[in-house]
Structures are given as C-alpha cells and as structure tokens.
C-alpha cells in the first residue's frame, strides 16, 4: 500500500512541476510571457485550465503527503530502531587504566631510572 501511494505521490510531484513550468508569468518576470497569437484557446481560458489543473494536482499531492505520514506513523508505532535491527543497545567497554608515570618519561642518558619529583 505504501509503495502505491509513494508512486502516485512521485507522479503527482512531477506533474505539478511540469504544470507550474507551463504557466505564463503574470508579473512579466525577465520580460517573458508577452507573446501574442490567437490559437484555439484564448490566453484567459488556457490560464484558467492550467490554474485548475495546478489546484487539482496540488490537492492530490497534499493528500498523498498526509497519507504517507499516517502510514509511516502506523508502521513505527510502539517500536524502536533497535527492535528493527534485532540487536540490543551497545554495551559500554571499560576504560583501560592510565600508564605508569615511569613509562611516560624519556630514558636518562646513563640508563638509570629517572627521578620523579614527589607530589609532597
């Protein structure tokens, strides 16, 4: 069911983009859209048809968006991502102890153990 609604949603999205791109700019943006010509349809009736088609596609797009949201919410109700993975939460590993202070100091030139100042 989800795949069918998703397919319809994608088709509606592409059709909506196409219809919007076909519409003439009313603001005269970039100086385009001023072409004349008397065809079979007048510019007013063509604009009305494209506007109606845009509304129909937009309403369909919104309905499929809400449907997909409801389907996704029903599928995920009462479950966690860890339940779907089939594993439990990661276990914390113990932190290794700090190294000895003698291991951090460079060796002395005569090979003797370096003196470490006391904290007293």
PDB file of N, CA and C in Angstrom:
ATOM      1  N   UNK A   1       0.813  -1.192   0.000  1.00  0.00           N
ATOM      2  CA  UNK A   1       0.000   0.000   0.000  1.00  0.00           C
ATOM      3  C   UNK A   1       0.860   1.260   0.000  1.00  0.00           C
ATOM      4  N   UNK A   2       1.917   1.214   0.811  1.00  0.00           N
ATOM      5  CA  UNK A   2       2.800   2.372   0.901  1.00  0.00           C
ATOM      6  C   UNK A   2       3.487   2.644  -0.432  1.00  0.00           C
ATOM      7  N   UNK A   3       3.888   1.588  -1.123  1.00  0.00           N
ATOM      8  CA  UNK A   3       4.550   1.765  -2.417  1.00  0.00           C
ATOM      9  C   UNK A   3       3.617   2.361  -3.465  1.00  0.00           C
ATOM     10  N   UNK A   4       2.361   1.986  -3.429  1.00  0.00           N
ATOM     11  CA  UNK A   4       1.390   2.530  -4.387  1.00  0.00           C
ATOM     12  C   UNK A   4       1.192   4.018  -4.141  1.00  0.00           C
ATOM     13  N   UNK A   5       1.022   4.395  -2.871  1.00  0.00           N
ATOM     14  CA  UNK A   5       0.822   5.805  -2.534  1.00  0.00           C
ATOM     15  C   UNK A   5       2.085   6.606  -2.861  1.00  0.00           C
ATOM     16  N   UNK A   6       3.244   6.020  -2.603  1.00  0.00           N
ATOM     17  CA  UNK A   6       4.501   6.699  -2.905  1.00  0.00           C
ATOM     18  C   UNK A   6       4.675   6.916  -4.410  1.00  0.00           C
ATOM     19  N   UNK A   7       4.300   5.923  -5.210  1.00  0.00           N
ATOM     20  CA  UNK A   7       4.383   6.059  -6.663  1.00  0.00           C
ATOM     21  C   UNK A   7       3.448   7.156  -7.164  1.00  0.00           C
ATOM     22  N   UNK A   8       2.224   7.166  -6.665  1.00  0.00           N
ATOM     23  CA  UNK A   8       1.267   8.220  -7.041  1.00  0.00           C
ATOM     24  C   UNK A   8       1.802   9.588  -6.609  1.00  0.00           C
ATOM     25  N   UNK A   9       2.396   9.646  -5.439  1.00  0.00           N
ATOM     26  CA  UNK A   9       2.956  10.889  -4.911  1.00  0.00           C
ATOM     27  C   UNK A   9       4.055  11.426  -5.834  1.00  0.00           C
ATOM     28  N   UNK A  10       4.940  10.553  -6.277  1.00  0.00           N
ATOM     29  CA  UNK A  10       6.027  10.973  -7.168  1.00  0.00           C
ATOM     30  C   UNK A  10       5.498  11.429  -8.523  1.00  0.00           C
ATOM     31  N   UNK A  11       4.501  10.733  -9.056  1.00  0.00           N
ATOM     32  CA  UNK A  11       3.905  11.135 -10.331  1.00  0.00           C
ATOM     33  C   UNK A  11       3.227  12.500 -10.194  1.00  0.00           C
ATOM     34  N   UNK A  12       2.517  12.702  -9.099  1.00  0.00           N
ATOM     35  CA  UNK A  12       1.881  13.995  -8.855  1.00  0.00           C
ATOM     36  C   UNK A  12       2.919  15.108  -8.723  1.00  0.00           C
ATOM     37  N   UNK A  13       4.023  14.834  -8.063  1.00  0.00           N
ATOM     38  CA  UNK A  13       5.071  15.843  -7.898  1.00  0.00           C
ATOM     39  C   UNK A  13       5.651  16.250  -9.248  1.00  0.00           C
ATOM     40  N   UNK A  14       5.949  15.279 -10.086  1.00  0.00           N
ATOM     41  CA  UNK A  14       6.500  15.583 -11.413  1.00  0.00           C
ATOM     42  C   UNK A  14       5.485  16.329 -12.272  1.00  0.00           C
ATOM     43  N   UNK A  15       4.223  15.913 -12.224  1.00  0.00           N
ATOM     44  CA  UNK A  15       3.187  16.590 -12.998  1.00  0.00           C
ATOM     45  C   UNK A  15       2.981  18.017 -12.494  1.00  0.00           C
ATOM     46  N   UNK A  16       3.040  18.209 -11.195  1.00  0.00           N
ATOM     47  CA  UNK A  16       2.867  19.541 -10.621  1.00  0.00           C
ATOM     48  C   UNK A  16       4.000  20.468 -11.060  1.00  0.00           C
ATOM     49  N   UNK A  17       5.217  19.968 -11.061  1.00  0.00           N
ATOM     50  CA  UNK A  17       6.351  20.770 -11.531  1.00  0.00           C
ATOM     51  C   UNK A  17       6.165  21.138 -13.002  1.00  0.00           C
ATOM     52  N   UNK A  18       5.735  20.176 -13.814  1.00  0.00           N
ATOM     53  CA  UNK A  18       5.521  20.431 -15.234  1.00  0.00           C
ATOM     54  C   UNK A  18       4.432  21.457 -15.488  1.00  0.00           C
ATOM     55  N   UNK A  19       3.321  21.359 -14.770  1.00  0.00           N
ATOM     56  CA  UNK A  19       2.211  22.303 -14.943  1.00  0.00           C
ATOM     57  C   UNK A  19       2.625  23.707 -14.512  1.00  0.00           C
ATOM     58  N   UNK A  20       3.363  23.807 -13.430  1.00  0.00           N
ATOM     59  CA  UNK A  20       3.802  25.123 -12.973  1.00  0.00           C
ATOM     60  C   UNK A  20       4.756  25.751 -13.986  1.00  0.00           C
ATOM     61  N   UNK A  21       5.617  24.944 -14.581  1.00  0.00           N
ATOM     62  CA  UNK A  21       6.541  25.484 -15.573  1.00  0.00           C
ATOM     63  C   UNK A  21       5.836  25.898 -16.864  1.00  0.00           C
ATOM     64  N   UNK A  22       4.697  25.299 -17.163  1.00  0.00           N
ATOM     65  CA  UNK A  22       3.941  25.665 -18.360  1.00  0.00           C
ATOM     66  C   UNK A  22       3.201  26.981 -18.211  1.00  0.00           C
ATOM     67  N   UNK A  23       2.934  27.388 -16.988  1.00  0.00           N
ATOM     68  CA  UNK A  23       2.134  28.585 -16.774  1.00  0.00           C
ATOM     69  C   UNK A  23       2.909  29.841 -17.132  1.00  0.00           C
ATOM     70  N   UNK A  24       2.168  30.804 -17.639  1.00  0.00           N
ATOM     71  CA  UNK A  24       2.749  32.068 -18.039  1.00  0.00           C
ATOM     72  C   UNK A  24       2.952  32.939 -16.812  1.00  0.00           C
ATOM     73  N   UNK A  25       4.045  33.658 -16.791  1.00  0.00           N
ATOM     74  CA  UNK A  25       4.334  34.543 -15.679  1.00  0.00           C
ATOM     75  C   UNK A  25       3.422  35.756 -15.750  1.00  0.00           C
ATOM     76  N   UNK A  26       2.718  36.047 -14.670  1.00  0.00           N
ATOM     77  CA  UNK A  26       1.811  37.185 -14.652  1.00  0.00           C
ATOM     78  C   UNK A  26       2.546  38.472 -14.339  1.00  0.00           C
ATOM     79  N   UNK A  27       3.695  38.380 -13.690  1.00  0.00           N
ATOM     80  CA  UNK A  27       4.428  39.576 -13.326  1.00  0.00           C
ATOM     81  C   UNK A  27       5.325  40.079 -14.439  1.00  0.00           C
ATOM     82  N   UNK A  28       5.415  39.368 -15.535  1.00  0.00           N
ATOM     83  CA  UNK A  28       6.304  39.785 -16.610  1.00  0.00           C
ATOM     84  C   UNK A  28       7.759  39.658 -16.217  1.00  0.00           C
ATOM     85  N   UNK A  29       8.073  38.677 -15.392  1.00  0.00           N
ATOM     86  CA  UNK A  29       9.436  38.487 -14.943  1.00  0.00           C
ATOM     87  C   UNK A  29      10.375  38.212 -16.106  1.00  0.00           C
ATOM     88  N   UNK A  30      11.497  38.894 -16.132  1.00  0.00           N
ATOM     89  CA  UNK A  30      12.531  38.775 -17.156  1.00  0.00           C
ATOM     90  C   UNK A  30      12.020  39.152 -18.551  1.00  0.00           C
ATOM     91  N   UNK A  31      10.920  39.846 -18.620  1.00  0.00           N
ATOM     92  CA  UNK A  31      10.408  40.308 -19.909  1.00  0.00           C
ATOM     93  C   UNK A  31       9.811  39.220 -20.769  1.00  0.00           C
ATOM     94  N   UNK A  32       9.526  38.061 -20.199  1.00  0.00           N
ATOM     95  CA  UNK A  32       8.966  36.964 -20.985  1.00  0.00           C
ATOM     96  C   UNK A  32       7.459  36.900 -20.770  1.00  0.00           C
ATOM     97  N   UNK A  33       6.797  36.117 -21.584  1.00  0.00           N
ATOM     98  CA  UNK A  33       5.378  35.894 -21.416  1.00  0.00           C
ATOM     99  C   UNK A  33       4.511  36.941 -22.072  1.00  0.00           C
ATOM    100  N   UNK A  34       5.072  37.746 -22.965  1.00  0.00           N
ATOM    101  CA  UNK A  34       4.267  38.780 -23.597  1.00  0.00           C
ATOM    102  C   UNK A  34       3.897  38.409 -25.024  1.00  0.00           C
ATOM    103  N   UNK A  35       4.114  37.163 -25.376  1.00  0.00           N
ATOM    104  CA  UNK A  35       3.826  36.739 -26.752  1.00  0.00           C
ATOM    105  C   UNK A  35       2.336  36.720 -27.021  1.00  0.00           C
ATOM    106  N   UNK A  36       1.936  37.160 -28.201  1.00  0.00           N
ATOM    107  CA  UNK A  36       0.522  37.182 -28.552  1.00  0.00           C
ATOM    108  C   UNK A  36       0.175  35.946 -29.357  1.00  0.00           C
ATOM    109  N   UNK A  37      -0.809  36.046 -30.175  1.00  0.00           N
ATOM    110  CA  UNK A  37      -1.193  34.920 -31.016  1.00  0.00           C
ATOM    111  C   UNK A  37      -2.534  34.390 -30.598  1.00  0.00           C
ATOM    112  N   UNK A  38      -3.426  34.262 -31.575  1.00  0.00           N
ATOM    113  CA  UNK A  38      -4.747  33.730 -31.291  1.00  0.00           C
ATOM    114  C   UNK A  38      -4.779  32.281 -31.716  1.00  0.00           C
ATOM    115  N   UNK A  39      -4.752  31.399 -30.751  1.00  0.00           N
ATOM    116  CA  UNK A  39      -4.813  29.981 -31.051  1.00  0.00           C
ATOM    117  C   UNK A  39      -6.222  29.478 -30.852  1.00  0.00           C
ATOM    118  N   UNK A  40      -6.329  28.181 -30.645  1.00  0.00           N
ATOM    119  CA  UNK A  40      -7.633  27.582 -30.424  1.00  0.00           C
ATOM    120  C   UNK A  40      -8.199  28.057 -29.094  1.00  0.00           C
ATOM    121  N   UNK A  41      -7.335  28.140 -28.087  1.00  0.00           N
ATOM    122  CA  UNK A  41      -7.762  28.619 -26.771  1.00  0.00           C
ATOM    123  C   UNK A  41      -7.256  30.030 -26.584  1.00  0.00           C
ATOM    124  N   UNK A  42      -8.068  30.867 -26.019  1.00  0.00           N
ATOM    125  CA  UNK A  42      -7.586  32.208 -25.695  1.00  0.00           C
ATOM    126  C   UNK A  42      -6.650  32.106 -24.504  1.00  0.00           C
ATOM    127  N   UNK A  43      -5.863  33.137 -24.285  1.00  0.00           N
ATOM    128  CA  UNK A  43      -4.897  33.087 -23.186  1.00  0.00           C
ATOM    129  C   UNK A  43      -5.599  33.021 -21.840  1.00  0.00           C
ATOM    130  N   UNK A  44      -6.774  33.630 -21.738  1.00  0.00           N
ATOM    131  CA  UNK A  44      -7.516  33.601 -20.479  1.00  0.00           C
ATOM    132  C   UNK A  44      -8.042  32.207 -20.169  1.00  0.00           C
ATOM    133  N   UNK A  45      -8.591  31.514 -21.147  1.00  0.00           N
ATOM    134  CA  UNK A  45      -9.121  30.168 -20.889  1.00  0.00           C
ATOM    135  C   UNK A  45      -8.000  29.158 -20.667  1.00  0.00           C
ATOM    136  N   UNK A  46      -6.869  29.357 -21.351  1.00  0.00           N
ATOM    137  CA  UNK A  46      -5.735  28.459 -21.132  1.00  0.00           C
ATOM    138  C   UNK A  46      -5.177  28.643 -19.727  1.00  0.00           C
ATOM    139  N   UNK A  47      -5.100  29.890 -19.285  1.00  0.00           N
ATOM    140  CA  UNK A  47      -4.602  30.161 -17.940  1.00  0.00           C
ATOM    141  C   UNK A  47      -5.546  29.577 -16.895  1.00  0.00           C
ATOM    142  N   UNK A  48      -6.843  29.655 -17.158  1.00  0.00           N
ATOM    143  CA  UNK A  48      -7.816  29.109 -16.209  1.00  0.00           C
ATOM    144  C   UNK A  48      -7.699  27.589 -16.136  1.00  0.00           C
ATOM    145  N   UNK A  49      -7.509  26.947 -17.275  1.00  0.00           N
ATOM    146  CA  UNK A  49      -7.365  25.487 -17.288  1.00  0.00           C
ATOM    147  C   UNK A  49      -6.098  25.053 -16.562  1.00  0.00           C
ATOM    148  N   UNK A  50      -4.996  25.762 -16.794  1.00  0.00           N
ATOM    149  CA  UNK A  50      -3.746  25.423 -16.105  1.00  0.00           C
ATOM    150  C   UNK A  50      -3.860  25.686 -14.607  1.00  0.00           C
ATOM    151  N   UNK A  51      -4.561  26.732 -14.244  1.00  0.00           N
ATOM    152  CA  UNK A  51      -4.746  27.030 -12.824  1.00  0.00           C
ATOM    153  C   UNK A  51      -5.572  25.947 -12.145  1.00  0.00           C
ATOM    154  N   UNK A  52      -6.640  25.511 -12.802  1.00  0.00           N
ATOM    155  CA  UNK A  52      -7.469  24.438 -12.232  1.00  0.00           C
ATOM    156  C   UNK A  52      -6.670  23.146 -12.115  1.00  0.00           C
ATOM    157  N   UNK A  53      -5.898  22.855 -13.139  1.00  0.00           N
ATOM    158  CA  UNK A  53      -5.084  21.631 -13.112  1.00  0.00           C
ATOM    159  C   UNK A  53      -4.030  21.711 -11.999  1.00  0.00           C
ATOM    160  N   UNK A  54      -3.468  22.895 -11.785  1.00  0.00           N
ATOM    161  CA  UNK A  54      -2.492  23.079 -10.709  1.00  0.00           C
ATOM    162  C   UNK A  54      -3.138  22.832  -9.357  1.00  0.00           C
ATOM    163  N   UNK A  55      -4.350  23.349  -9.158  1.00  0.00           N
ATOM    164  CA  UNK A  55      -5.058  23.134  -7.898  1.00  0.00           C
ATOM    165  C   UNK A  55      -5.364  21.659  -7.677  1.00  0.00           C
ATOM    166  N   UNK A  56      -5.796  20.983  -8.716  1.00  0.00           N
ATOM    167  CA  UNK A  56      -6.125  19.553  -8.597  1.00  0.00           C
ATOM    168  C   UNK A  56      -4.884  18.747  -8.228  1.00  0.00           C
ATOM    169  N   UNK A  57      -3.763  19.017  -8.921  1.00  0.00           N
ATOM    170  CA  UNK A  57      -2.524  18.289  -8.628  1.00  0.00           C
ATOM    171  C   UNK A  57      -2.001  18.633  -7.232  1.00  0.00           C
ATOM    172  N   UNK A  58      -2.125  19.899  -6.835  1.00  0.00           N
ATOM    173  CA  UNK A  58      -1.642  20.304  -5.507  1.00  0.00           C
ATOM    174  C   UNK A  58      -2.455  19.625  -4.403  1.00  0.00           C
ATOM    175  N   UNK A  59      -3.764  19.553  -4.576  1.00  0.00           N
ATOM    176  CA  UNK A  59      -4.609  18.889  -3.577  1.00  0.00           C
ATOM    177  C   UNK A  59      -4.273  17.401  -3.507  1.00  0.00           C
ATOM    178  N   UNK A  60      -4.075  16.773  -4.659  1.00  0.00           N
ATOM    179  CA  UNK A  60      -3.667  15.363  -4.677  1.00  0.00           C
ATOM    180  C   UNK A  60      -2.320  15.146  -4.005  1.00  0.00           C
ATOM    181  N   UNK A  61      -1.387  16.076  -4.236  1.00  0.00           N
ATOM    182  CA  UNK A  61      -0.062  15.988  -3.626  1.00  0.00           C
ATOM    183  C   UNK A  61      -0.160  16.093  -2.109  1.00  0.00           C
ATOM    184  N   UNK A  62      -0.976  17.007  -1.616  1.00  0.00           N
ATOM    185  CA  UNK A  62      -1.141  17.171  -0.168  1.00  0.00           C
ATOM    186  C   UNK A  62      -1.801  15.940   0.443  1.00  0.00           C
ATOM    187  N   UNK A  63      -2.788  15.383  -0.237  1.00  0.00           N
ATOM    188  CA  UNK A  63      -3.472  14.188   0.275  1.00  0.00           C
ATOM    189  C   UNK A  63      -2.513  13.003   0.353  1.00  0.00           C
ATOM    190  N   UNK A  64      -1.697  12.808  -0.692  1.00  0.00           N
ATOM    191  CA  UNK A  64      -0.744  11.692  -0.649  1.00  0.00           C
ATOM    192  C   UNK A  64       0.341  11.944   0.395  1.00  0.00           C
ATOM    193  N   UNK A  65       0.725  13.197   0.615  1.00  0.00           N
ATOM    194  CA  UNK A  65       1.710  13.503   1.658  1.00  0.00           C
ATOM    195  C   UNK A  65       1.175  13.134   3.031  1.00  0.00           C
ATOM    196  N   UNK A  66      -0.069  13.517   3.304  1.00  0.00           N
ATOM    197  CA  UNK A  66      -0.681  13.183   4.592  1.00  0.00           C
ATOM    198  C   UNK A  66      -0.848  11.669   4.724  1.00  0.00           C
ATOM    199  N   UNK A  67      -1.233  11.001   3.638  1.00  0.00           N
ATOM    200  CA  UNK A  67      -1.389   9.538   3.675  1.00  0.00           C
ATOM    201  C   UNK A  67      -0.072   8.845   3.983  1.00  0.00           C
ATOM    202  N   UNK A  68       1.004   9.293   3.363  1.00  0.00           N
ATOM    203  CA  UNK A  68       2.314   8.697   3.630  1.00  0.00           C
ATOM    204  C   UNK A  68       2.748   8.937   5.074  1.00  0.00           C
ATOM    205  N   UNK A  69       2.414  10.089   5.613  1.00  0.00           N
ATOM    206  CA  UNK A  69       2.745  10.372   7.008  1.00  0.00           C
ATOM    207  C   UNK A  69       1.986   9.450   7.949  1.00  0.00           C
ATOM    208  N   UNK A  70       0.712   9.237   7.677  1.00  0.00           N
ATOM    209  CA  UNK A  70      -0.103   8.355   8.516  1.00  0.00           C
ATOM    210  C   UNK A  70       0.391   6.912   8.418  1.00  0.00           C
ATOM    211  N   UNK A  71       0.713   6.460   7.216  1.00  0.00           N
ATOM    212  CA  UNK A  71       1.202   5.087   7.034  1.00  0.00           C
ATOM    213  C   UNK A  71       2.525   4.899   7.774  1.00  0.00           C
ATOM    214  N   UNK A  72       3.421   5.865   7.673  1.00  0.00           N
ATOM    215  CA  UNK A  72       4.717   5.756   8.358  1.00  0.00           C
ATOM    216  C   UNK A  72       4.539   5.764   9.873  1.00  0.00           C
ATOM    217  N   UNK A  73       3.600   6.566  10.371  1.00  0.00           N
ATOM    218  CA  UNK A  73       3.365   6.616  11.819  1.00  0.00           C
ATOM    219  C   UNK A  73       2.788   5.304  12.329  1.00  0.00           C
ATOM    220  N   UNK A  74       1.916   4.671  11.548  1.00  0.00           N
ATOM    221  CA  UNK A  74       1.330   3.395  11.962  1.00  0.00           C
ATOM    222  C   UNK A  74       2.362   2.276  11.942  1.00  0.00           C
ATOM    223  N   UNK A  75       3.270   2.326  10.979  1.00  0.00           N
ATOM    224  CA  UNK A  75       4.295   1.278  10.903  1.00  0.00           C
ATOM    225  C   UNK A  75       5.292   1.370  12.044  1.00  0.00           C
ATOM    226  N   UNK A  76       5.546   2.576  12.531  1.00  0.00           N
ATOM    227  CA  UNK A  76       6.572   2.736  13.561  1.00  0.00           C
ATOM    228  C   UNK A  76       6.001   2.818  14.964  1.00  0.00           C
ATOM    229  N   UNK A  77       4.695   2.723  15.122  1.00  0.00           N
ATOM    230  CA  UNK A  77       4.084   2.848  16.445  1.00  0.00           C
ATOM    231  C   UNK A  77       4.511   1.697  17.352  1.00  0.00           C
ATOM    232  N   UNK A  78       5.011   2.053  18.522  1.00  0.00           N
ATOM    233  CA  UNK A  78       5.360   1.051  19.519  1.00  0.00           C
ATOM    234  C   UNK A  78       6.648   0.292  19.247  1.00  0.00           C
ATOM    235  N   UNK A  79       7.474   0.768  18.336  1.00  0.00           N
ATOM    236  CA  UNK A  79       8.727   0.060  18.084  1.00  0.00           C
ATOM    237  C   UNK A  79       9.881   1.048  18.119  1.00  0.00           C
ATOM    238  N   UNK A  80      11.020   0.509  18.320  1.00  0.00           N
ATOM    239  CA  UNK A  80      12.240   1.295  18.375  1.00  0.00           C
ATOM    240  C   UNK A  80      13.135   0.892  17.213  1.00  0.00           C
ATOM    241  N   UNK A  81      14.078   1.722  16.890  1.00  0.00           N
ATOM    242  CA  UNK A  81      15.027   1.389  15.831  1.00  0.00           C
ATOM    243  C   UNK A  81      15.847   0.164  16.231  1.00  0.00           C
ATOM    244  N   UNK A  82      16.098  -0.011  17.529  1.00  0.00           N
ATOM    245  CA  UNK A  82      16.847  -1.172  17.996  1.00  0.00           C
ATOM    246  C   UNK A  82      16.030  -2.454  17.835  1.00  0.00           C
ATOM    247  N   UNK A  83      14.699  -2.348  17.938  1.00  0.00           N
ATOM    248  CA  UNK A  83      13.850  -3.518  17.725  1.00  0.00           C
ATOM    249  C   UNK A  83      13.924  -3.983  16.276  1.00  0.00           C
ATOM    250  N   UNK A  84      13.971  -3.038  15.353  1.00  0.00           N
ATOM    251  CA  UNK A  84      14.033  -3.398  13.936  1.00  0.00           C
ATOM    252  C   UNK A  84      15.393  -3.941  13.544  1.00  0.00           C
ATOM    253  N   UNK A  85      16.443  -3.506  14.228  1.00  0.00           N
ATOM    254  CA  UNK A  85      17.784  -4.004  13.921  1.00  0.00           C
ATOM    255  C   UNK A  85      18.018  -5.392  14.492  1.00  0.00           C
ATOM    256  N   UNK A  86      17.305  -5.729  15.537  1.00  0.00           N
ATOM    257  CA  UNK A  86      17.457  -7.044  16.144  1.00  0.00           C
ATOM    258  C   UNK A  86      18.634  -7.130  17.094  1.00  0.00           C
ATOM    259  N   UNK A  87      19.205  -6.018  17.467  1.00  0.00           N
ATOM    260  CA  UNK A  87      20.319  -6.019  18.410  1.00  0.00           C
ATOM    261  C   UNK A  87      19.950  -5.153  19.600  1.00  0.00           C
ATOM    262  N   UNK A  88      20.667  -5.391  20.687  1.00  0.00           N
ATOM    263  CA  UNK A  88      20.430  -4.572  21.874  1.00  0.00           C
ATOM    264  C   UNK A  88      21.298  -3.324  21.806  1.00  0.00           C
ATOM    265  N   UNK A  89      21.125  -2.473  22.768  1.00  0.00           N
ATOM    266  CA  UNK A  89      21.910  -1.242  22.824  1.00  0.00           C
ATOM    267  C   UNK A  89      23.377  -1.599  23.027  1.00  0.00           C
ATOM    268  N   UNK A  90      24.282  -0.792  22.498  1.00  0.00           N
ATOM    269  CA  UNK A  90      25.710  -1.105  22.650  1.00  0.00           C
ATOM    270  C   UNK A  90      26.134  -1.095  24.119  1.00  0.00           C
ATOM    271  N   UNK A  91      26.993  -2.057  24.470  1.00  0.00           N
ATOM    272  CA  UNK A  91      27.493  -2.183  25.833  1.00  0.00           C
ATOM    273  C   UNK A  91      28.737  -1.325  25.970  1.00  0.00           C
ATOM    274  N   UNK A  92      28.828  -0.602  27.070  1.00  0.00           N
ATOM    275  CA  UNK A  92      29.959   0.283  27.283  1.00  0.00           C
ATOM    276  C   UNK A  92      31.186  -0.535  27.655  1.00  0.00           C
ATOM    277  N   UNK A  93      32.285  -0.297  26.958  1.00  0.00           N
ATOM    278  CA  UNK A  93      33.533  -1.005  27.218  1.00  0.00           C
ATOM    279  C   UNK A  93      34.274  -0.310  28.363  1.00  0.00           C
ATOM    280  N   UNK A  94      34.946  -1.100  29.220  1.00  0.00           N
ATOM    281  CA  UNK A  94      35.693  -0.472  30.316  1.00  0.00           C
ATOM    282  C   UNK A  94      36.883   0.327  29.771  1.00  0.00           C
ATOM    283  N   UNK A  95      37.171   1.428  30.447  1.00  0.00           N
ATOM    284  CA  UNK A  95      38.283   2.284  30.045  1.00  0.00           C
ATOM    285  C   UNK A  95      39.557   1.704  30.651  1.00  0.00           C
ATOM    286  N   UNK A  96      40.607   1.523  29.835  1.00  0.00           N
ATOM    287  CA  UNK A  96      41.859   0.987  30.398  1.00  0.00           C
ATOM    288  C   UNK A  96      42.485   1.992  31.364  1.00  0.00           C
ATOM    289  N   UNK A  97      43.261   1.476  32.322  1.00  0.00           N
ATOM    290  CA  UNK A  97      43.905   2.330  33.321  1.00  0.00           C
ATOM    291  C   UNK A  97      44.981   3.200  32.700  1.00  0.00           C
ATOM    292  N   UNK A  98      45.368   4.208  33.441  1.00  0.00           N
ATOM    293  CA  UNK A  98      46.421   5.103  32.969  1.00  0.00           C
ATOM    294  C   UNK A  98      47.772   4.403  33.046  1.00  0.00           C
ATOM    295  N   UNK A  99      48.690   4.741  32.142  1.00  0.00           N
ATOM    296  CA  UNK A  99      50.014   4.109  32.194  1.00  0.00           C
ATOM    297  C   UNK A  99      50.812   4.628  33.385  1.00  0.00           C
ATOM    298  N   UNK A 100      51.818   3.872  33.736  1.00  0.00           N
ATOM    299  CA  UNK A 100      52.689   4.248  34.839  1.00  0.00           C
ATOM    300  C   UNK A 100      53.466   5.511  34.465  1.00  0.00           C
ATOM    301  N   UNK A 101      53.755   6.347  35.446  1.00  0.00           N
ATOM    302  CA  UNK A 101      54.464   7.600  35.185  1.00  0.00           C
ATOM    303  C   UNK A 101      55.845   7.314  34.612  1.00  0.00           C
ATOM    304  N   UNK A 102      56.487   6.234  35.037  1.00  0.00           N
ATOM    305  CA  UNK A 102      57.824   5.891  34.553  1.00  0.00           C
ATOM    306  C   UNK A 102      57.810   5.593  33.054  1.00  0.00           C
ATOM    307  N   UNK A 103      56.685   5.095  32.557  1.00  0.00           N
ATOM    308  CA  UNK A 103      56.597   4.779  31.132  1.00  0.00           C
ATOM    309  C   UNK A 103      56.487   6.033  30.272  1.00  0.00           C
ATOM    310  N   UNK A 104      56.064   7.128  30.870  1.00  0.00           N
ATOM    311  CA  UNK A 104      55.854   8.348  30.113  1.00  0.00           C
ATOM    312  C   UNK A 104      57.111   9.199  29.998  1.00  0.00           C
ATOM    313  N   UNK A 105      58.074   9.007  30.900  1.00  0.00           N
ATOM    314  CA  UNK A 105      59.294   9.816  30.890  1.00  0.00           C
ATOM    315  C   UNK A 105      60.312   9.224  29.925  1.00  0.00           C
ATOM    316  N   UNK A 106      61.094  10.084  29.281  1.00  0.00           N
ATOM    317  CA  UNK A 106      62.140   9.562  28.393  1.00  0.00           C
ATOM    318  C   UNK A 106      63.256   8.913  29.213  1.00  0.00           C
ATOM    319  N   UNK A 107      63.968   7.973  28.622  1.00  0.00           N
ATOM    320  CA  UNK A 107      65.064   7.325  29.377  1.00  0.00           C
ATOM    321  C   UNK A 107      66.200   8.318  29.622  1.00  0.00           C
ATOM    322  N   UNK A 108      66.908   8.126  30.726  1.00  0.00           N
ATOM    323  CA  UNK A 108      68.033   9.013  31.040  1.00  0.00           C
ATOM    324  C   UNK A 108      69.237   8.604  30.206  1.00  0.00           C
ATOM    325  N   UNK A 109      70.198   9.488  30.118  1.00  0.00           N
ATOM    326  CA  UNK A 109      71.375   9.255  29.282  1.00  0.00           C
ATOM    327  C   UNK A 109      72.254   8.143  29.842  1.00  0.00           C
ATOM    328  N   UNK A 110      72.312   7.984  31.167  1.00  0.00           N
ATOM    329  CA  UNK A 110      73.161   6.939  31.736  1.00  0.00           C
ATOM    330  C   UNK A 110      72.454   5.630  31.939  1.00  0.00           C
ATOM    331  N   UNK A 111      71.195   5.532  31.552  1.00  0.00           N
ATOM    332  CA  UNK A 111      70.470   4.283  31.647  1.00  0.00           C
ATOM    333  C   UNK A 111      69.798   4.074  32.993  1.00  0.00           C
ATOM    334  N   UNK A 112      70.013   4.979  33.934  1.00  0.00           N
ATOM    335  CA  UNK A 112      69.400   4.853  35.260  1.00  0.00           C
ATOM    336  C   UNK A 112      67.938   5.272  35.185  1.00  0.00           C
ATOM    337  N   UNK A 113      67.218   4.879  36.175  1.00  0.00           N
ATOM    338  CA  UNK A 113      65.814   5.243  36.248  1.00  0.00           C
ATOM    339  C   UNK A 113      65.706   6.734  36.559  1.00  0.00           C
ATOM    340  N   UNK A 114      64.911   7.484  35.773  1.00  0.00           N
ATOM    341  CA  UNK A 114      64.805   8.921  36.018  1.00  0.00           C
ATOM    342  C   UNK A 114      64.101   9.194  37.346  1.00  0.00           C
ATOM    343  N   UNK A 115      64.497  10.273  37.968  1.00  0.00           N
ATOM    344  CA  UNK A 115      63.878  10.651  39.219  1.00  0.00           C
ATOM    345  C   UNK A 115      62.570  11.395  38.937  1.00  0.00           C
ATOM    346  N   UNK A 116      61.585  10.958  39.657  1.00  0.00           N
ATOM    347  CA  UNK A 116      60.288  11.596  39.515  1.00  0.00           C
ATOM    348  C   UNK A 116      60.056  12.462  40.721  1.00  0.00           C
ATOM    349  N   UNK A 117      59.754  13.766  40.519  1.00  0.00           N
ATOM    350  CA  UNK A 117      59.535  14.606  41.696  1.00  0.00           C
ATOM    351  C   UNK A 117      58.305  14.140  42.461  1.00  0.00           C
ATOM    352  N   UNK A 118      58.393  14.216  43.741  1.00  0.00           N
ATOM    353  CA  UNK A 118      57.256  13.763  44.557  1.00  0.00           C
ATOM    354  C   UNK A 118      56.215  14.864  44.626  1.00  0.00           C
ATOM    355  N   UNK A 119      54.989  14.459  44.897  1.00  0.00           N
ATOM    356  CA  UNK A 119      53.889  15.394  44.955  1.00  0.00           C
ATOM    357  C   UNK A 119      53.774  16.063  46.310  1.00  0.00           C
ATOM    358  N   UNK A 120      54.681  15.734  47.279  1.00  0.00           N
ATOM    359  CA  UNK A 120      54.601  16.290  48.634  1.00  0.00           C
ATOM    360  C   UNK A 120      55.100  17.676  48.648  1.00  0.00           C
TER     361      UNK A 120
END
